[in-house]
């Protein structure tokens, strides 16, 4: 990544996004790897202009595109983990946990616990026997409390800025429609995944230079990856830059048998980023992005209106997000351009299967 991605000077100016910027980000949320030619035809802009605009946005850490290898939804495990730390050591522990590739998100909430983690592992035993003990072993960790995801109804990859008209959004959705190819993905193709995790729009030429391979060979490998259905792409944004600086998570209880109906009702709330059924005394988790802390009470009322019988047990406003879906974030929530070291995390892109995505 260029040095400018990690040196965000003139914060106020760099946080400004124009209407054209928001339209472009919205387009890439729908079709992360759309060609600039196709995007230009839909948006009525020159392809070179769009490419330059995206590079400016990406270099400022205001939006970024990542890729994830798809795991088996029948065996993958999703855990929401509350972490209690020794007094004064939450930041230190957060930094250590950010280095663990299975820990996809690290948030520091205002509440009873010091950290909230989103953790993906390939199996439940992998979490129970390897990852959970590794989290507990981090210096400064006192105890952890795990809630296991049983169904992920809605997640961050589906959240939209909604800056496009209906016809434009439909056009990008048509461009993004996947064309899957059968067959096992060769190991040489998987070498591209860490590069796509860093930049989901990386070209074959760029990856060829990084890997020391022939560009035409990498192009064939990239085509195999894109058509395999084994990789999911996601365009994410810095909350503060799009007017939703507050991230709030609620733990709640929903009557048995009402979870699917609750999730369906919550889809009408544009602010909802995550809705998941989980194990434990609180059996439902909801995350929203809000304009201000003053909106928390209104959001809780909206939850109660749309989900009869819901009982909110805890609300957590995040003071800081150190890592989101494998990408390290700065204090202002902008991407530092550096995914955590280690293997590319596995996720799944289908709703109502596990795992899907982080908020």
Protein backbone atom coordinates (compact mmCIF):
# COMPACT_ATOMS: atom_id res chain seq x y z
CA UNK A 1 0.00 0.00 0.00
CA UNK A 2 1.17 3.52 -0.70
CA UNK A 3 2.50 5.51 2.22
CA UNK A 4 -0.31 8.02 1.84
CA UNK A 5 -2.75 5.32 2.95
CA UNK A 6 -1.18 5.26 6.39
CA UNK A 7 -0.58 8.99 6.81
CA UNK A 8 -3.97 10.61 6.90
CA UNK A 9 -3.16 14.29 7.07
CA UNK A 10 -5.72 17.10 7.16
CA UNK A 11 -8.35 14.87 8.74
CA UNK A 12 -11.36 17.13 8.23
CA UNK A 13 -10.65 17.63 4.55
CA UNK A 14 -9.80 13.98 3.92
CA UNK A 15 -13.06 12.88 5.53
CA UNK A 16 -15.19 14.76 3.01
CA UNK A 17 -16.99 12.68 0.42
CA UNK A 18 -18.85 14.31 -2.45
CA UNK A 19 -22.15 13.04 -3.83
CA UNK A 20 -20.22 11.54 -6.73
CA UNK A 21 -17.94 9.77 -4.24
CA UNK A 22 -20.95 8.31 -2.43
CA UNK A 23 -22.45 7.14 -5.71
CA UNK A 24 -19.24 5.37 -6.62
CA UNK A 25 -18.96 3.69 -3.22
CA UNK A 26 -22.59 2.59 -3.48
CA UNK A 27 -21.86 1.10 -6.89
CA UNK A 28 -18.86 -0.81 -5.57
CA UNK A 29 -20.87 -2.10 -2.62
CA UNK A 30 -23.13 -3.79 -5.18
CA UNK A 31 -20.46 -4.75 -7.73
CA UNK A 32 -17.01 -4.57 -6.08
CA UNK A 33 -15.05 -5.61 -9.18
CA UNK A 34 -17.12 -3.90 -11.86
CA UNK A 35 -14.93 -2.59 -14.68
CA UNK A 36 -14.48 1.16 -14.88
CA UNK A 37 -15.89 1.01 -18.40
CA UNK A 38 -19.14 -0.61 -17.20
CA UNK A 39 -19.31 1.68 -14.17
CA UNK A 40 -18.80 4.73 -16.37
CA UNK A 41 -21.59 3.69 -18.70
CA UNK A 42 -24.02 3.33 -15.78
CA UNK A 43 -22.95 6.47 -13.89
CA UNK A 44 -22.41 8.64 -16.95
CA UNK A 45 -18.76 9.33 -16.11
CA UNK A 46 -15.44 8.76 -17.84
CA UNK A 47 -13.77 5.48 -16.73
CA UNK A 48 -10.48 7.26 -15.98
CA UNK A 49 -12.31 9.75 -13.79
CA UNK A 50 -13.90 6.94 -11.77
CA UNK A 51 -10.59 5.12 -11.42
CA UNK A 52 -8.88 8.26 -10.12
CA UNK A 53 -11.78 9.01 -7.79
CA UNK A 54 -11.67 5.49 -6.30
CA UNK A 55 -7.91 5.65 -5.82
CA UNK A 56 -8.27 8.92 -3.91
CA UNK A 57 -11.03 7.46 -1.70
CA UNK A 58 -9.09 4.24 -1.09
CA UNK A 59 -5.80 6.02 -0.41
CA UNK A 60 -7.52 8.19 2.19
CA UNK A 61 -8.81 5.06 3.95
CA UNK A 62 -12.44 6.13 3.50
CA UNK A 63 -13.53 2.98 1.65
CA UNK A 64 -11.86 -0.29 0.75
CA UNK A 65 -12.59 -3.60 -0.92
CA UNK A 66 -11.53 -6.92 0.53
CA UNK A 67 -11.95 -10.55 -0.52
CA UNK A 68 -12.56 -13.65 1.57
CA UNK A 69 -12.33 -17.33 0.76
CA UNK A 70 -15.64 -19.12 1.27
CA UNK A 71 -15.88 -21.81 3.92
CA UNK A 72 -18.29 -24.70 4.32
CA UNK A 73 -21.43 -23.24 5.95
CA UNK A 74 -22.27 -26.64 7.44
CA UNK A 75 -19.17 -26.71 9.63
CA UNK A 76 -17.92 -23.12 9.99
CA UNK A 77 -18.20 -21.55 13.43
CA UNK A 78 -19.05 -17.94 14.29
CA UNK A 79 -18.52 -16.69 17.84
CA UNK A 80 -19.22 -13.33 19.45
CA UNK A 81 -16.77 -13.08 22.33
CA UNK A 82 -16.85 -10.61 25.20
CA UNK A 83 -13.43 -10.13 26.80
CA UNK A 84 -12.68 -8.84 30.29
CA UNK A 85 -9.18 -7.42 30.78
CA UNK A 86 -6.94 -6.38 33.66
CA UNK A 87 -7.55 -2.70 34.50
CA UNK A 88 -5.89 -0.37 32.03
CA UNK A 89 -4.85 -3.12 29.59
CA UNK A 90 -7.76 -3.13 27.12
CA UNK A 91 -5.83 -1.30 24.38
CA UNK A 92 -2.84 -3.60 24.79
CA UNK A 93 -5.04 -6.68 24.60
CA UNK A 94 -6.89 -5.28 21.58
CA UNK A 95 -3.61 -4.83 19.72
CA UNK A 96 -2.61 -8.42 20.46
CA UNK A 97 -5.98 -9.80 19.36
CA UNK A 98 -5.88 -7.79 16.13
CA UNK A 99 -2.89 -9.94 15.12
CA UNK A 100 -4.97 -13.15 15.29
CA UNK A 101 -6.45 -13.88 11.83
CA UNK A 102 -9.43 -15.79 13.25
CA UNK A 103 -10.41 -12.69 15.24
CA UNK A 104 -12.09 -10.82 12.42
CA UNK A 105 -13.35 -7.80 14.37
CA UNK A 106 -12.12 -6.13 17.56
CA UNK A 107 -14.33 -3.49 19.17
CA UNK A 108 -13.93 -1.54 22.42
CA UNK A 109 -17.39 -0.90 23.89
CA UNK A 110 -18.72 1.27 26.67
CA UNK A 111 -20.24 -1.41 28.89
CA UNK A 112 -19.56 -4.26 31.29
CA UNK A 113 -16.92 -5.87 29.08
CA UNK A 114 -13.70 -4.40 27.71
CA UNK A 115 -13.72 -5.90 24.21
CA UNK A 116 -16.19 -7.46 21.80
CA UNK A 117 -14.74 -9.85 19.23
CA UNK A 118 -16.17 -11.50 16.14
CA UNK A 119 -14.36 -14.79 15.57
CA UNK A 120 -14.53 -17.18 12.60
CA UNK A 121 -13.11 -20.71 12.71
CA UNK A 122 -13.47 -23.63 10.32
CA UNK A 123 -15.12 -25.84 12.96
CA UNK A 124 -16.48 -25.59 16.49
CA UNK A 125 -13.72 -27.85 17.86
CA UNK A 126 -11.15 -25.56 16.24
CA UNK A 127 -12.61 -22.66 18.20
CA UNK A 128 -12.98 -24.61 21.45
CA UNK A 129 -9.58 -26.33 21.43
CA UNK A 130 -7.32 -23.80 19.72
CA UNK A 131 -8.67 -20.28 19.23
CA UNK A 132 -10.57 -19.72 22.50
CA UNK A 133 -7.58 -20.89 24.59
CA UNK A 134 -5.30 -18.63 22.51
CA UNK A 135 -7.55 -15.65 23.28
CA UNK A 136 -7.57 -16.49 27.00
CA UNK A 137 -3.78 -16.81 26.94
CA UNK A 138 -3.22 -13.23 25.71
CA UNK A 139 -1.49 -11.28 28.54
CA UNK A 140 -4.02 -9.03 30.22
CA UNK A 141 -7.08 -11.17 29.47
CA UNK A 142 -8.98 -12.09 32.65
CA UNK A 143 -11.90 -14.06 31.18
CA UNK A 144 -13.95 -14.48 28.01
CA UNK A 145 -17.66 -15.07 27.44
CA UNK A 146 -18.64 -16.74 24.15
CA UNK A 147 -21.96 -16.69 22.31
CA UNK A 148 -22.07 -18.98 19.28
CA UNK A 149 -23.91 -17.91 16.16
CA UNK A 150 -26.69 -20.30 15.20
CA UNK A 151 -28.04 -18.26 12.29
CA UNK A 152 -26.81 -15.07 10.68
CA UNK A 153 -29.80 -13.24 9.22
CA UNK A 154 -28.18 -10.02 8.08
CA UNK A 155 -24.59 -8.75 7.94
CA UNK A 156 -22.35 -5.87 6.98
CA UNK A 157 -21.67 -6.95 3.39
CA UNK A 158 -25.34 -6.22 2.56
CA UNK A 159 -25.43 -2.73 4.11
CA UNK A 160 -25.77 0.01 1.49
CA UNK A 161 -25.26 3.76 1.37
CA UNK A 162 -28.26 3.91 -0.97
CA UNK A 163 -26.81 6.80 -2.96
CA UNK A 164 -27.90 5.40 -6.34
CA UNK A 165 -31.22 5.50 -8.12
CA UNK A 166 -33.16 2.26 -8.48
CA UNK A 167 -32.25 1.82 -12.17
CA UNK A 168 -28.55 2.39 -11.53
CA UNK A 169 -28.54 -0.01 -8.57
CA UNK A 170 -30.28 -2.67 -10.68
CA UNK A 171 -27.74 -2.18 -13.48
CA UNK A 172 -24.83 -2.73 -11.11
CA UNK A 173 -26.55 -5.78 -9.62
CA UNK A 174 -26.86 -7.24 -13.12
CA UNK A 175 -23.16 -6.62 -13.80
CA UNK A 176 -22.26 -8.27 -10.49
CA UNK A 177 -24.23 -11.44 -11.16
CA UNK A 178 -21.78 -14.30 -10.70
CA UNK A 179 -20.98 -16.87 -13.36
CA UNK A 180 -19.79 -19.93 -11.51
CA UNK A 181 -17.45 -22.58 -12.89
CA UNK A 182 -17.13 -26.12 -11.55
CA UNK A 183 -13.93 -27.66 -10.30
CA UNK A 184 -11.43 -27.52 -7.47
CA UNK A 185 -9.43 -24.32 -7.15
CA UNK A 186 -5.70 -25.10 -7.65
CA UNK A 187 -3.19 -24.09 -5.00
CA UNK A 188 -1.57 -21.62 -7.41
CA UNK A 189 -4.88 -19.76 -7.63
CA UNK A 190 -5.14 -19.57 -3.86
CA UNK A 191 -1.84 -17.68 -3.79
CA UNK A 192 -3.81 -14.71 -5.10
CA UNK A 193 -6.18 -14.64 -2.12
CA UNK A 194 -3.93 -12.71 0.31
CA UNK A 195 -3.43 -10.04 -2.37
CA UNK A 196 -7.17 -9.79 -2.95
CA UNK A 197 -7.72 -9.59 0.81
CA UNK A 198 -5.53 -6.49 0.80
CA UNK A 199 -7.14 -4.96 -2.29
CA UNK A 200 -10.26 -6.63 -3.68
CA UNK A 201 -9.87 -4.74 -6.97
CA UNK A 202 -6.25 -5.74 -7.53
CA UNK A 203 -5.61 -6.38 -11.21
CA UNK A 204 -3.90 -9.41 -12.71
CA UNK A 205 -0.95 -7.23 -13.71
CA UNK A 206 -0.51 -5.93 -10.16
CA UNK A 207 -0.69 -9.41 -8.67
CA UNK A 208 1.68 -10.78 -11.31
CA UNK A 209 4.29 -8.21 -10.27
CA UNK A 210 3.80 -9.07 -6.61
CA UNK A 211 4.07 -12.83 -7.22
CA UNK A 212 6.74 -12.73 -9.91
CA UNK A 213 4.50 -14.53 -12.39
CA UNK A 214 3.52 -14.05 -16.00
CA UNK A 215 0.55 -11.61 -16.25
CA UNK A 216 -1.38 -13.88 -18.62
CA UNK A 217 -0.99 -16.78 -16.18
CA UNK A 218 -2.27 -14.69 -13.30
CA UNK A 219 -5.17 -13.47 -15.44
CA UNK A 220 -6.24 -17.08 -16.02
CA UNK A 221 -5.89 -17.81 -12.30
CA UNK A 222 -7.90 -14.71 -11.41
CA UNK A 223 -10.63 -15.72 -13.83
CA UNK A 224 -10.78 -19.14 -12.15
CA UNK A 225 -11.11 -17.49 -8.74
CA UNK A 226 -13.84 -15.08 -9.81
CA UNK A 227 -15.84 -17.87 -11.40
CA UNK A 228 -15.33 -20.44 -8.67
CA UNK A 229 -17.90 -19.10 -6.23
CA UNK A 230 -15.32 -19.70 -3.51
CA UNK A 231 -14.44 -16.03 -2.93
CA UNK A 232 -16.63 -13.22 -1.62
CA UNK A 233 -15.88 -9.51 -2.10
CA UNK A 234 -16.96 -6.66 0.16
CA UNK A 235 -16.74 -2.87 -0.12
CA UNK A 236 -16.59 -1.30 3.33
CA UNK A 237 -16.52 2.33 4.47
CA UNK A 238 -15.25 4.50 7.31
CA UNK A 239 -18.31 5.21 9.44
CA UNK A 240 -17.49 8.82 10.23
CA UNK A 241 -17.07 9.69 6.55
CA UNK A 242 -20.59 8.57 5.62
CA UNK A 243 -22.39 10.17 8.56
CA UNK A 244 -22.86 7.12 10.79
CA UNK A 245 -20.12 7.49 13.41
CA UNK A 246 -21.91 5.57 16.19
CA UNK A 247 -21.83 1.78 16.26
CA UNK A 248 -24.23 0.17 18.76
CA UNK A 249 -24.82 -3.52 19.47
CA UNK A 250 -27.76 -4.89 21.43
CA UNK A 251 -28.01 -8.27 23.12
CA UNK A 252 -31.64 -9.33 23.34
CA UNK A 253 -34.04 -12.20 23.94
CA UNK A 254 -36.55 -13.08 21.23
CA UNK A 255 -39.30 -15.67 21.81
CA UNK A 256 -38.47 -19.14 20.45
CA UNK A 257 -39.72 -19.62 16.93
CA UNK A 258 -39.84 -15.88 16.26
CA UNK A 259 -36.24 -15.32 15.13
CA UNK A 260 -36.88 -15.46 11.38
CA UNK A 261 -39.83 -13.09 11.70
CA UNK A 262 -37.74 -10.74 13.84
CA UNK A 263 -34.96 -10.70 11.27
CA UNK A 264 -37.42 -10.03 8.45
CA UNK A 265 -38.92 -7.12 10.38
CA UNK A 266 -35.51 -5.60 11.03
CA UNK A 267 -34.60 -5.55 7.34
CA UNK A 268 -36.81 -2.47 6.97
CA UNK A 269 -34.43 -0.53 9.23
CA UNK A 270 -31.68 0.88 7.02
CA UNK A 271 -29.38 1.36 10.01
CA UNK A 272 -29.21 -2.37 10.82
CA UNK A 273 -25.82 -3.90 9.97
CA UNK A 274 -26.12 -7.24 11.75
CA UNK A 275 -28.89 -9.50 12.98
CA UNK A 276 -27.93 -12.91 14.35
CA UNK A 277 -29.37 -15.70 16.46
CA UNK A 278 -26.94 -16.89 19.11
CA UNK A 279 -26.59 -19.23 22.06
CA UNK A 280 -26.77 -18.07 25.66
CA UNK A 281 -29.16 -16.13 27.92
CA UNK A 282 -29.43 -13.47 25.21
CA UNK A 283 -30.37 -15.33 22.04
CA UNK A 284 -30.34 -12.48 19.51
CA UNK A 285 -27.79 -9.80 18.54
CA UNK A 286 -28.47 -6.64 16.55
CA UNK A 287 -25.93 -4.04 15.42
CA UNK A 288 -26.79 -0.64 13.95
CA UNK A 289 -24.84 2.31 12.60
CA UNK A 290 -26.35 5.55 13.91
CA UNK A 291 -25.87 9.28 13.39
CA UNK A 292 -25.37 10.01 17.11
CA UNK A 293 -25.60 8.50 20.59
CA UNK A 294 -28.86 10.43 20.97
CA UNK A 295 -30.39 8.00 18.45
CA UNK A 296 -29.77 4.93 20.62
CA UNK A 297 -33.04 5.27 22.53
CA UNK A 298 -35.00 5.78 19.31
CA UNK A 299 -33.33 2.72 17.82
CA UNK A 300 -34.35 0.65 20.84
CA UNK A 301 -37.94 1.83 20.46
CA UNK A 302 -37.83 0.85 16.79
CA UNK A 303 -36.60 -2.62 17.77
CA UNK A 304 -39.46 -3.05 20.21
CA UNK A 305 -42.04 -1.78 17.72
CA UNK A 306 -40.93 -4.09 14.93
CA UNK A 307 -40.24 -7.19 17.04
CA UNK A 308 -43.08 -7.87 19.49
CA UNK A 309 -41.84 -9.64 22.58
CA UNK A 310 -38.20 -8.68 22.18
CA UNK A 311 -36.42 -8.05 25.48
CA UNK A 312 -33.26 -5.97 25.29
CA UNK A 313 -30.76 -7.15 27.90
CA UNK A 314 -27.72 -5.00 27.08
CA UNK A 315 -26.71 -2.17 24.77
CA UNK A 316 -23.08 -1.53 23.84
CA UNK A 317 -21.94 1.68 22.16
CA UNK A 318 -18.52 1.14 20.62
CA UNK A 319 -15.90 3.64 21.68
CA UNK A 320 -13.48 2.39 19.05
CA UNK A 321 -13.24 -0.27 16.35
CA UNK A 322 -9.67 -1.51 16.01
CA UNK A 323 -10.34 -4.12 13.34
CA UNK A 324 -13.27 -4.84 11.04
CA UNK A 325 -13.51 -7.95 8.91
CA UNK A 326 -9.77 -8.49 8.99
CA UNK A 327 -8.77 -4.88 8.20
CA UNK A 328 -7.00 -2.75 10.79
CA UNK A 329 -8.63 0.63 11.41
CA UNK A 330 -7.15 3.86 12.73
CA UNK A 331 -8.57 5.88 15.64
CA UNK A 332 -10.93 7.72 13.27
CA UNK A 333 -12.20 4.47 11.75
CA UNK A 334 -10.34 4.75 8.46
CA UNK A 335 -8.59 1.75 6.95
CA UNK A 336 -4.86 1.52 7.62
CA UNK A 337 -4.62 -0.62 4.51
CA UNK A 338 -3.23 -3.60 6.38
CA UNK A 339 -5.06 -6.89 6.85
CA UNK A 340 -3.88 -8.92 9.83
CA UNK A 341 -1.02 -11.32 9.20
CA UNK A 342 -1.83 -14.97 8.71
CA UNK A 343 -4.11 -17.08 6.57
CA UNK A 344 -7.02 -15.54 4.70
CA UNK A 345 -10.19 -15.96 6.77
CA UNK A 346 -12.99 -18.09 5.41
CA UNK A 347 -16.48 -16.68 5.24
CA UNK A 348 -19.69 -17.43 3.44
CA UNK A 349 -21.76 -15.00 1.43
CA UNK A 350 -25.23 -16.46 1.94
CA UNK A 351 -27.77 -15.16 4.45
CA UNK A 352 -29.13 -17.66 6.98
CA UNK A 353 -25.91 -19.71 6.80
CA UNK A 354 -22.79 -19.54 8.91
CA UNK A 355 -20.59 -17.74 8.91
CA UNK A 356 -21.37 -14.74 6.75
CA UNK A 357 -19.72 -11.54 7.65
CA UNK A 358 -18.93 -9.12 10.41
CA UNK A 359 -20.85 -5.95 11.12
